[in-house]
Protein backbone atom coordinates (compact mmCIF):
# COMPACT_ATOMS: atom_id res chain seq x y z
CA UNK A 1 -153.11 -98.30 33.91
CA UNK A 2 -151.06 -101.36 33.06
CA UNK A 3 -149.86 -104.30 35.14
CA UNK A 4 -147.00 -106.11 33.42
CA UNK A 5 -145.84 -109.57 34.48
CA UNK A 6 -142.26 -110.25 33.39
CA UNK A 7 -140.79 -113.72 33.74
CA UNK A 8 -137.52 -115.35 32.77
CA UNK A 9 -138.46 -118.73 31.31
CA UNK A 10 -136.98 -121.68 29.47
CA UNK A 11 -137.85 -122.30 25.82
CA UNK A 12 -140.31 -124.95 27.03
CA UNK A 13 -142.08 -122.49 29.29
CA UNK A 14 -140.82 -123.14 32.82
CA UNK A 15 -140.08 -120.37 35.32
CA UNK A 16 -138.49 -122.68 37.92
CA UNK A 17 -137.40 -126.28 38.20
CA UNK A 18 -139.38 -128.87 40.17
CA UNK A 19 -137.71 -127.73 43.42
CA UNK A 20 -138.20 -124.01 42.77
CA UNK A 21 -134.64 -123.51 41.54
CA UNK A 22 -133.80 -120.93 38.90
CA UNK A 23 -130.32 -122.10 37.92
CA UNK A 24 -131.41 -122.23 34.29
CA UNK A 25 -131.23 -118.41 34.26
CA UNK A 26 -127.49 -118.85 33.62
CA UNK A 27 -127.74 -122.07 31.59
CA UNK A 28 -128.16 -120.63 28.09
CA UNK A 29 -125.35 -119.34 25.89
CA UNK A 30 -123.80 -116.09 27.01
CA UNK A 31 -122.38 -113.03 25.27
CA UNK A 32 -119.39 -111.00 26.24
CA UNK A 33 -121.41 -107.87 25.50
CA UNK A 34 -124.75 -107.56 27.36
CA UNK A 35 -125.46 -104.01 26.16
CA UNK A 36 -128.25 -105.09 23.80
CA UNK A 37 -130.22 -106.88 26.51
CA UNK A 38 -129.58 -104.05 28.94
CA UNK A 39 -130.67 -101.44 26.39
CA UNK A 40 -133.91 -103.29 25.72
CA UNK A 41 -134.60 -103.69 29.44
CA UNK A 42 -133.79 -100.04 30.21
CA UNK A 43 -136.07 -98.94 27.35
CA UNK A 44 -138.83 -101.11 28.82
CA UNK A 45 -138.33 -99.56 32.26
CA UNK A 46 -138.93 -96.08 30.80
CA UNK A 47 -142.61 -97.12 30.64
CA UNK A 48 -142.70 -98.40 34.22
CA UNK A 49 -143.31 -96.25 37.28
CA UNK A 50 -143.54 -98.89 40.04
CA UNK A 51 -142.21 -102.35 40.89
CA UNK A 52 -144.35 -105.00 42.61
CA UNK A 53 -142.85 -108.13 44.19
CA UNK A 54 -143.87 -111.12 46.25
CA UNK A 55 -141.99 -111.70 49.49
CA UNK A 56 -139.54 -114.32 48.17
CA UNK A 57 -138.60 -112.31 45.10
CA UNK A 58 -138.31 -109.17 47.23
CA UNK A 59 -135.73 -110.94 49.44
CA UNK A 60 -133.67 -111.99 46.40
CA UNK A 61 -133.82 -108.51 44.90
CA UNK A 62 -133.04 -106.74 48.19
CA UNK A 63 -129.96 -108.92 48.63
CA UNK A 64 -128.57 -107.89 45.25
CA UNK A 65 -129.84 -104.69 43.62
CA UNK A 66 -129.22 -102.02 46.29
CA UNK A 67 -125.45 -102.58 45.98
CA UNK A 68 -125.28 -103.57 42.28
CA UNK A 69 -122.95 -101.56 40.03
CA UNK A 70 -124.94 -99.38 37.59
CA UNK A 71 -121.89 -99.19 35.30
CA UNK A 72 -121.93 -102.97 34.89
CA UNK A 73 -125.74 -103.31 34.89
CA UNK A 74 -127.58 -100.21 33.63
CA UNK A 75 -130.94 -101.51 34.93
CA UNK A 76 -129.63 -100.94 38.47
CA UNK A 77 -130.48 -97.23 38.40
CA UNK A 78 -134.18 -97.54 37.52
CA UNK A 79 -134.64 -100.58 39.76
CA UNK A 80 -133.27 -98.65 42.74
CA UNK A 81 -135.05 -95.39 41.86
CA UNK A 82 -138.57 -96.63 41.15
CA UNK A 83 -141.04 -97.02 44.03
CA UNK A 84 -141.28 -100.63 45.14
CA UNK A 85 -144.05 -102.60 46.83
CA UNK A 86 -144.04 -106.08 48.32
CA UNK A 87 -147.22 -108.10 48.83
CA UNK A 88 -146.90 -109.91 52.15
CA UNK A 89 -148.90 -110.68 55.27
CA UNK A 90 -145.80 -111.85 57.16
CA UNK A 91 -143.10 -109.21 56.57
CA UNK A 92 -142.96 -106.46 59.17
CA UNK A 93 -140.08 -104.53 57.58
CA UNK A 94 -138.76 -104.44 54.01
CA UNK A 95 -135.42 -102.65 53.83
CA UNK A 96 -133.80 -101.79 50.52
CA UNK A 97 -130.17 -101.16 51.27
CA UNK A 98 -129.23 -99.09 54.29
CA UNK A 99 -131.28 -95.98 53.57
CA UNK A 100 -134.47 -97.03 51.83
CA UNK A 101 -137.35 -99.41 52.27
CA UNK A 102 -140.07 -101.06 50.24
CA UNK A 103 -143.71 -100.44 51.08
CA UNK A 104 -145.46 -103.57 52.36
CA UNK A 105 -148.96 -104.27 51.01
CA UNK A 106 -150.78 -106.50 53.49
CA UNK A 107 -154.27 -107.92 53.24
CA UNK A 108 -155.98 -109.46 50.25
CA UNK A 109 -153.45 -109.27 47.38
CA UNK A 110 -156.14 -108.85 44.73
CA UNK A 111 -157.69 -105.86 46.48
CA UNK A 112 -154.34 -104.22 47.26
CA UNK A 113 -152.99 -104.68 43.73
CA UNK A 114 -156.23 -103.45 42.15
CA UNK A 115 -155.96 -100.31 44.30
CA UNK A 116 -152.29 -99.91 43.38
CA UNK A 117 -153.14 -100.03 39.66
CA UNK A 118 -155.29 -96.93 40.11
CA UNK A 119 -152.23 -94.90 41.15
CA UNK A 120 -149.56 -95.92 38.62
CA UNK A 121 -149.36 -95.92 34.85
CA UNK A 122 -147.14 -99.00 34.53
CA UNK A 123 -146.38 -101.57 37.25
CA UNK A 124 -144.00 -104.45 36.62
CA UNK A 125 -144.11 -107.70 38.59
CA UNK A 126 -140.92 -109.77 38.40
CA UNK A 127 -140.87 -113.44 39.38
CA UNK A 128 -143.25 -113.76 42.34
CA UNK A 129 -144.99 -116.84 40.96
CA UNK A 130 -147.59 -117.24 43.74
CA UNK A 131 -148.54 -113.58 43.40
CA UNK A 132 -148.70 -113.68 39.61
CA UNK A 133 -150.85 -116.82 39.75
CA UNK A 134 -153.40 -114.86 41.79
CA UNK A 135 -153.16 -111.84 39.47
CA UNK A 136 -153.71 -113.95 36.35
CA UNK A 137 -156.72 -115.66 37.95
CA UNK A 138 -158.20 -112.30 38.93
CA UNK A 139 -157.78 -110.85 35.43
CA UNK A 140 -155.48 -108.08 36.63
CA UNK A 141 -152.59 -108.76 34.21
CA UNK A 142 -152.56 -106.40 31.20
CA UNK A 143 -149.22 -107.33 29.64
CA UNK A 144 -146.96 -110.38 29.66
CA UNK A 145 -143.24 -110.01 29.02
CA UNK A 146 -141.25 -113.23 28.63
CA UNK A 147 -137.46 -113.29 28.61
CA UNK A 148 -136.77 -116.68 27.05
CA UNK A 149 -133.51 -118.47 27.85
CA UNK A 150 -132.45 -120.79 24.99
CA UNK A 151 -132.48 -123.96 27.04
CA UNK A 152 -134.94 -126.77 27.80
CA UNK A 153 -135.79 -127.93 31.31
CA UNK A 154 -138.23 -130.75 30.60
CA UNK A 155 -140.30 -130.26 33.75
CA UNK A 156 -140.82 -127.71 36.47
CA UNK A 157 -143.04 -124.79 37.44
CA UNK A 158 -144.97 -122.93 34.75
CA UNK A 159 -145.24 -119.15 34.93
CA UNK A 160 -149.04 -119.44 34.77
CA UNK A 161 -151.41 -121.06 37.27
CA UNK A 162 -153.01 -124.44 36.71
CA UNK A 163 -156.53 -124.18 35.37
CA UNK A 164 -156.12 -120.66 33.99
CA UNK A 165 -158.03 -121.51 30.83
CA UNK A 166 -157.73 -119.87 27.45
CA UNK A 167 -156.24 -116.37 27.52
CA UNK A 168 -155.62 -114.54 24.27
CA UNK A 169 -152.38 -112.64 23.71
CA UNK A 170 -151.29 -110.11 21.07
CA UNK A 171 -147.56 -109.93 20.34
CA UNK A 172 -146.28 -106.37 20.08
CA UNK A 173 -142.56 -106.50 20.88
CA UNK A 174 -139.76 -108.93 20.07
CA UNK A 175 -136.11 -108.46 20.93
CA UNK A 176 -133.59 -111.05 19.78
CA UNK A 177 -130.17 -111.11 21.36
CA UNK A 178 -127.25 -112.70 19.44
CA UNK A 179 -126.96 -115.38 22.15
CA UNK A 180 -130.40 -116.70 21.25
CA UNK A 181 -132.18 -115.13 24.23
CA UNK A 182 -135.52 -113.59 23.25
CA UNK A 183 -137.79 -111.03 24.84
CA UNK A 184 -141.42 -111.38 23.82
CA UNK A 185 -143.98 -108.85 25.00
CA UNK A 186 -147.70 -109.45 24.67
CA UNK A 187 -150.86 -107.50 25.40
CA UNK A 188 -153.43 -109.62 27.22
CA UNK A 189 -156.67 -109.59 25.23
CA UNK A 190 -159.90 -108.78 26.99
CA UNK A 191 -162.22 -110.40 24.47
CA UNK A 192 -165.90 -110.47 25.39
CA UNK A 193 -167.34 -113.92 26.04
CA UNK A 194 -168.92 -115.56 22.97
CA UNK A 195 -172.66 -115.13 22.50
CA UNK A 196 -174.47 -118.46 22.85
């Protein structure tokens, strides 16, 4: 069972600006043809069988993806088809378009996500920085997938929590788009502690 955290980040490692903004997503150079990025993302989603979101990211996704055009953005189909879960103790409903909904996972996020991992082969978490902070601290993240925008922000919010400590990674996938965007996928190492 694999929990994959995927983040869009700047080349200097920020997932949001100091005010939580993500305008840098569109700041890097663009291509007229996005098929390479889409193909890589669709191929990645073939290994995913569930989507996990925090409440804020769920709201952003639910406002966009249910009505997105799959001809223009091929990732629309798997995003809408895959089962989705939102970790929240405040949401009472989580609609996804007019006909579907997202299952709400209330309670302790570590316990609920650990239980979820037992039922799915590959779960992707997009954005959801507060949730991913907790998952990193709890050692529940198995893979890290970074989509690097070729721009520098200088300051902002890291995609990892403060005080995480040393965490080993093994690179096993790189996709380079002509625009300079990169996708880097790592396995999180579970090295035993050193013997003293």
